[in-house]
Each structure stands twice: as structure tokens, then as C-alpha cells.
Amino acid sequence: MNQIAGFLLLFALAAAIGLVGYLLICLAAVFGIARWFGGDNAWIFVSLSAGAIHVALGYLVVRAARGWLKKPMFKSTLEEFRKDEAWLKSNVKKPL
């Protein structure tokens, strides 16, 4: 149990560190692009565009996940259960 808890703790820590790194990279990209465009308030429009892109990508990922979840996960297992049920029904002796 301790090994699983340690793994989950390290995984959560790695995910948090990765998220912070990703946010810092996005922030640097926003201000870098805003500086490239010039202007005092260019960062507002660049960050709005970056946010819109992230929302659109998140929407696409959610749609893909929903489509993936609609497929049966254990199709072969369900087929085996149906075969077993049919076999059991055919081999059950009826009471006299």
C-alpha cells in the first residue's frame, strides 16, 4: 500500500511541476509574441487568443474522450458472459 501511495504522490508532484512549467512557457510565449507585435496592450489580445486556442483544444479533447467512452470497453468479456449464460441455460436440468 505504501508503494502505491508513494507512486501516486510522485505522479501528482510530477503533474503539478509539469503544469507550472507549461504555464510559465505559455506566459513567456504570450509576452514574447506581444513584444514582437509591439504596442503597450498587445499582451491582452495575445493572451486572449492563447486562451481561446486552449479552450478550443480542451473542447476537442473532451469531444474525443466522449466518443472514446461510447465504445464498449469490455466487448469480448460481455460476449463471453453471453456465451456462458446461454451454455448454462442449455445445461440446466429441469426439476421433475
N, C-alpha and C. Protein backbone atom coordinates (compact mmCIF):
# COMPACT_ATOMS: atom_id res chain seq x y z
N MET A 1 0.82 -1.19 0.00
CA MET A 1 0.00 0.00 0.00
C MET A 1 0.86 1.26 0.00
N ASN A 2 1.95 1.23 0.75
CA ASN A 2 2.84 2.38 0.82
C ASN A 2 3.48 2.66 -0.52
N GLN A 3 3.76 1.60 -1.28
CA GLN A 3 4.38 1.77 -2.58
C GLN A 3 3.41 2.46 -3.54
N ILE A 4 2.14 2.10 -3.50
CA ILE A 4 1.14 2.73 -4.36
C ILE A 4 0.95 4.19 -3.97
N ALA A 5 0.87 4.46 -2.66
CA ALA A 5 0.71 5.84 -2.19
C ALA A 5 1.91 6.69 -2.59
N GLY A 6 3.11 6.13 -2.48
CA GLY A 6 4.30 6.86 -2.89
C GLY A 6 4.31 7.15 -4.37
N PHE A 7 3.90 6.15 -5.16
CA PHE A 7 3.83 6.36 -6.60
C PHE A 7 2.82 7.44 -6.95
N LEU A 8 1.65 7.40 -6.32
CA LEU A 8 0.62 8.41 -6.60
C LEU A 8 1.08 9.80 -6.18
N LEU A 9 1.77 9.88 -5.07
CA LEU A 9 2.30 11.17 -4.61
C LEU A 9 3.33 11.72 -5.60
N LEU A 10 4.24 10.87 -6.04
CA LEU A 10 5.24 11.31 -7.01
C LEU A 10 4.60 11.68 -8.35
N PHE A 11 3.59 10.93 -8.75
CA PHE A 11 2.89 11.24 -10.00
C PHE A 11 2.18 12.59 -9.90
N ALA A 12 1.52 12.84 -8.77
CA ALA A 12 0.84 14.12 -8.58
C ALA A 12 1.84 15.27 -8.54
N LEU A 13 2.98 15.05 -7.91
CA LEU A 13 4.02 16.06 -7.85
C LEU A 13 4.58 16.35 -9.24
N ALA A 14 4.82 15.31 -10.02
CA ALA A 14 5.32 15.49 -11.38
C ALA A 14 4.29 16.22 -12.24
N ALA A 15 3.01 15.90 -12.07
CA ALA A 15 1.96 16.57 -12.83
C ALA A 15 1.89 18.05 -12.46
N ALA A 16 2.00 18.36 -11.18
CA ALA A 16 1.95 19.76 -10.74
C ALA A 16 3.15 20.54 -11.27
N ILE A 17 4.33 19.94 -11.19
CA ILE A 17 5.53 20.61 -11.71
C ILE A 17 5.42 20.80 -13.22
N GLY A 18 4.92 19.80 -13.91
CA GLY A 18 4.72 19.93 -15.36
C GLY A 18 3.72 21.01 -15.70
N LEU A 19 2.65 21.12 -14.92
CA LEU A 19 1.65 22.15 -15.16
C LEU A 19 2.22 23.55 -14.94
N VAL A 20 2.99 23.72 -13.89
CA VAL A 20 3.62 25.02 -13.64
C VAL A 20 4.58 25.37 -14.77
N GLY A 21 5.36 24.40 -15.22
CA GLY A 21 6.26 24.63 -16.33
C GLY A 21 5.52 25.02 -17.59
N TYR A 22 4.42 24.34 -17.86
CA TYR A 22 3.61 24.65 -19.04
C TYR A 22 3.05 26.06 -18.95
N LEU A 23 2.55 26.44 -17.79
CA LEU A 23 2.01 27.79 -17.61
C LEU A 23 3.09 28.86 -17.81
N LEU A 24 4.28 28.61 -17.30
CA LEU A 24 5.37 29.57 -17.48
C LEU A 24 5.79 29.69 -18.94
N ILE A 25 5.81 28.56 -19.64
CA ILE A 25 6.13 28.60 -21.08
C ILE A 25 5.07 29.38 -21.84
N CYS A 26 3.79 29.14 -21.52
CA CYS A 26 2.70 29.89 -22.18
C CYS A 26 2.80 31.38 -21.88
N LEU A 27 3.10 31.72 -20.64
CA LEU A 27 3.24 33.12 -20.26
C LEU A 27 4.39 33.78 -21.01
N ALA A 28 5.51 33.08 -21.09
CA ALA A 28 6.65 33.63 -21.83
C ALA A 28 6.31 33.79 -23.31
N ALA A 29 5.59 32.82 -23.86
CA ALA A 29 5.21 32.91 -25.28
C ALA A 29 4.27 34.09 -25.51
N VAL A 30 3.32 34.30 -24.61
CA VAL A 30 2.38 35.41 -24.76
C VAL A 30 3.12 36.74 -24.76
N PHE A 31 4.00 36.94 -23.79
CA PHE A 31 4.71 38.22 -23.72
C PHE A 31 5.74 38.36 -24.84
N GLY A 32 6.32 37.24 -25.28
CA GLY A 32 7.24 37.31 -26.41
C GLY A 32 6.54 37.69 -27.69
N ILE A 33 5.39 37.10 -27.95
CA ILE A 33 4.62 37.44 -29.15
C ILE A 33 4.10 38.87 -29.06
N ALA A 34 3.66 39.29 -27.87
CA ALA A 34 3.18 40.66 -27.69
C ALA A 34 4.30 41.67 -27.95
N ARG A 35 5.51 41.34 -27.52
CA ARG A 35 6.64 42.25 -27.76
C ARG A 35 6.96 42.30 -29.25
N TRP A 36 6.83 41.16 -29.92
CA TRP A 36 7.08 41.10 -31.35
C TRP A 36 6.08 41.96 -32.12
N PHE A 37 4.80 41.93 -31.69
CA PHE A 37 3.78 42.77 -32.32
C PHE A 37 3.96 44.23 -31.96
N GLY A 38 4.53 44.50 -30.82
CA GLY A 38 4.71 45.87 -30.36
C GLY A 38 3.42 46.39 -29.75
N GLY A 39 3.50 47.56 -29.18
CA GLY A 39 2.32 48.14 -28.55
C GLY A 39 2.28 47.83 -27.08
N ASP A 40 1.67 48.73 -26.35
CA ASP A 40 1.64 48.59 -24.89
C ASP A 40 0.65 47.54 -24.43
N ASN A 41 -0.46 47.40 -25.12
CA ASN A 41 -1.51 46.49 -24.68
C ASN A 41 -1.65 45.27 -25.58
N ALA A 42 -0.63 44.97 -26.36
CA ALA A 42 -0.70 43.81 -27.25
C ALA A 42 -0.81 42.51 -26.48
N TRP A 43 -0.25 42.47 -25.26
CA TRP A 43 -0.28 41.24 -24.47
C TRP A 43 -1.70 40.82 -24.13
N ILE A 44 -2.62 41.79 -24.03
CA ILE A 44 -4.01 41.46 -23.71
C ILE A 44 -4.63 40.64 -24.84
N PHE A 45 -4.43 41.09 -26.07
CA PHE A 45 -5.01 40.39 -27.21
C PHE A 45 -4.31 39.05 -27.47
N VAL A 46 -3.01 39.02 -27.24
CA VAL A 46 -2.29 37.77 -27.42
C VAL A 46 -2.72 36.75 -26.37
N SER A 47 -2.87 37.17 -25.13
CA SER A 47 -3.32 36.24 -24.08
C SER A 47 -4.76 35.81 -24.31
N LEU A 48 -5.60 36.70 -24.82
CA LEU A 48 -6.97 36.33 -25.16
C LEU A 48 -6.97 35.28 -26.27
N SER A 49 -6.12 35.46 -27.26
CA SER A 49 -6.02 34.47 -28.35
C SER A 49 -5.50 33.14 -27.83
N ALA A 50 -4.49 33.18 -26.96
CA ALA A 50 -3.95 31.94 -26.40
C ALA A 50 -5.01 31.23 -25.56
N GLY A 51 -5.78 31.98 -24.79
CA GLY A 51 -6.86 31.38 -24.01
C GLY A 51 -7.92 30.76 -24.89
N ALA A 52 -8.27 31.44 -25.98
CA ALA A 52 -9.27 30.89 -26.90
C ALA A 52 -8.77 29.61 -27.56
N ILE A 53 -7.49 29.59 -27.91
CA ILE A 53 -6.92 28.38 -28.50
C ILE A 53 -6.96 27.23 -27.49
N HIS A 54 -6.62 27.50 -26.24
CA HIS A 54 -6.64 26.45 -25.22
C HIS A 54 -8.06 25.95 -24.94
N VAL A 55 -9.02 26.85 -24.94
CA VAL A 55 -10.42 26.43 -24.73
C VAL A 55 -10.88 25.56 -25.89
N ALA A 56 -10.53 25.95 -27.12
CA ALA A 56 -10.92 25.16 -28.29
C ALA A 56 -10.26 23.78 -28.26
N LEU A 57 -8.98 23.72 -27.90
CA LEU A 57 -8.31 22.43 -27.81
C LEU A 57 -8.91 21.57 -26.69
N GLY A 58 -9.25 22.19 -25.58
CA GLY A 58 -9.90 21.45 -24.50
C GLY A 58 -11.24 20.89 -24.93
N TYR A 59 -12.00 21.67 -25.69
CA TYR A 59 -13.29 21.20 -26.20
C TYR A 59 -13.09 20.00 -27.12
N LEU A 60 -12.09 20.07 -27.99
CA LEU A 60 -11.83 18.96 -28.90
C LEU A 60 -11.40 17.70 -28.15
N VAL A 61 -10.62 17.87 -27.09
CA VAL A 61 -10.20 16.72 -26.30
C VAL A 61 -11.40 16.10 -25.58
N VAL A 62 -12.28 16.92 -25.05
CA VAL A 62 -13.48 16.40 -24.37
C VAL A 62 -14.37 15.66 -25.37
N ARG A 63 -14.53 16.20 -26.57
CA ARG A 63 -15.33 15.51 -27.59
C ARG A 63 -14.70 14.17 -27.96
N ALA A 64 -13.38 14.15 -28.10
CA ALA A 64 -12.70 12.89 -28.43
C ALA A 64 -12.86 11.88 -27.30
N ALA A 65 -12.76 12.34 -26.06
CA ALA A 65 -12.91 11.45 -24.91
C ALA A 65 -14.34 10.90 -24.84
N ARG A 66 -15.33 11.74 -25.10
CA ARG A 66 -16.72 11.27 -25.08
C ARG A 66 -16.95 10.22 -26.16
N GLY A 67 -16.37 10.45 -27.34
CA GLY A 67 -16.51 9.46 -28.40
C GLY A 67 -15.82 8.16 -28.06
N TRP A 68 -14.69 8.27 -27.37
CA TRP A 68 -13.94 7.08 -26.98
C TRP A 68 -14.69 6.30 -25.91
N LEU A 69 -15.37 7.00 -25.00
CA LEU A 69 -16.09 6.33 -23.93
C LEU A 69 -17.38 5.67 -24.41
N LYS A 70 -17.90 6.09 -25.56
CA LYS A 70 -19.13 5.47 -26.07
C LYS A 70 -18.89 4.06 -26.58
N LYS A 71 -17.64 3.75 -26.92
CA LYS A 71 -17.33 2.39 -27.37
C LYS A 71 -17.30 1.48 -26.16
N PRO A 72 -17.84 0.26 -26.30
CA PRO A 72 -17.81 -0.65 -25.15
C PRO A 72 -16.37 -1.04 -24.81
N MET A 73 -16.04 -0.96 -23.53
CA MET A 73 -14.67 -1.25 -23.10
C MET A 73 -14.38 -2.75 -23.05
N PHE A 74 -15.34 -3.51 -22.64
CA PHE A 74 -15.13 -4.93 -22.43
C PHE A 74 -16.03 -5.75 -23.36
N LYS A 75 -15.93 -5.46 -24.65
CA LYS A 75 -16.80 -6.11 -25.62
C LYS A 75 -16.60 -7.62 -25.61
N SER A 76 -15.36 -8.09 -25.63
CA SER A 76 -15.12 -9.53 -25.65
C SER A 76 -15.57 -10.18 -24.34
N THR A 77 -15.43 -9.49 -23.23
CA THR A 77 -15.87 -10.04 -21.94
C THR A 77 -17.39 -10.18 -21.93
N LEU A 78 -18.09 -9.17 -22.43
CA LEU A 78 -19.55 -9.25 -22.48
C LEU A 78 -20.00 -10.40 -23.39
N GLU A 79 -19.30 -10.60 -24.49
CA GLU A 79 -19.65 -11.72 -25.38
C GLU A 79 -19.43 -13.06 -24.69
N GLU A 80 -18.36 -13.16 -23.92
CA GLU A 80 -18.10 -14.39 -23.17
C GLU A 80 -19.18 -14.62 -22.11
N PHE A 81 -19.62 -13.57 -21.43
CA PHE A 81 -20.71 -13.72 -20.46
C PHE A 81 -21.99 -14.21 -21.15
N ARG A 82 -22.28 -13.69 -22.31
CA ARG A 82 -23.48 -14.13 -23.04
C ARG A 82 -23.37 -15.59 -23.44
N LYS A 83 -22.19 -16.01 -23.89
CA LYS A 83 -21.99 -17.42 -24.24
C LYS A 83 -22.14 -18.30 -23.01
N ASP A 84 -21.56 -17.87 -21.88
CA ASP A 84 -21.67 -18.64 -20.65
C ASP A 84 -23.12 -18.76 -20.20
N GLU A 85 -23.85 -17.65 -20.31
CA GLU A 85 -25.25 -17.67 -19.90
C GLU A 85 -26.06 -18.62 -20.79
N ALA A 86 -25.80 -18.59 -22.08
CA ALA A 86 -26.50 -19.49 -23.00
C ALA A 86 -26.14 -20.94 -22.69
N TRP A 87 -24.88 -21.21 -22.40
CA TRP A 87 -24.45 -22.57 -22.08
C TRP A 87 -25.11 -23.04 -20.79
N LEU A 88 -25.15 -22.15 -19.77
CA LEU A 88 -25.78 -22.53 -18.52
C LEU A 88 -27.25 -22.83 -18.69
N LYS A 89 -27.93 -22.01 -19.49
CA LYS A 89 -29.37 -22.24 -19.71
C LYS A 89 -29.61 -23.54 -20.45
N SER A 90 -28.72 -23.90 -21.36
CA SER A 90 -28.93 -25.14 -22.13
C SER A 90 -28.57 -26.38 -21.32
N ASN A 91 -27.76 -26.26 -20.28
CA ASN A 91 -27.32 -27.41 -19.50
C ASN A 91 -28.01 -27.55 -18.15
N VAL A 92 -28.93 -26.67 -17.85
CA VAL A 92 -29.62 -26.76 -16.56
C VAL A 92 -30.68 -27.85 -16.66
N LYS A 93 -30.66 -28.76 -15.67
CA LYS A 93 -31.66 -29.83 -15.63
C LYS A 93 -32.94 -29.27 -15.02
N LYS A 94 -34.03 -29.56 -15.66
CA LYS A 94 -35.31 -29.09 -15.16
C LYS A 94 -35.80 -30.04 -14.08
N PRO A 95 -36.42 -29.47 -13.03
CA PRO A 95 -36.93 -30.32 -11.95
C PRO A 95 -38.09 -31.18 -12.44
N LEU A 96 -38.20 -32.36 -11.82
CA LEU A 96 -39.25 -33.31 -12.22
C LEU A 96 -40.56 -32.93 -11.70
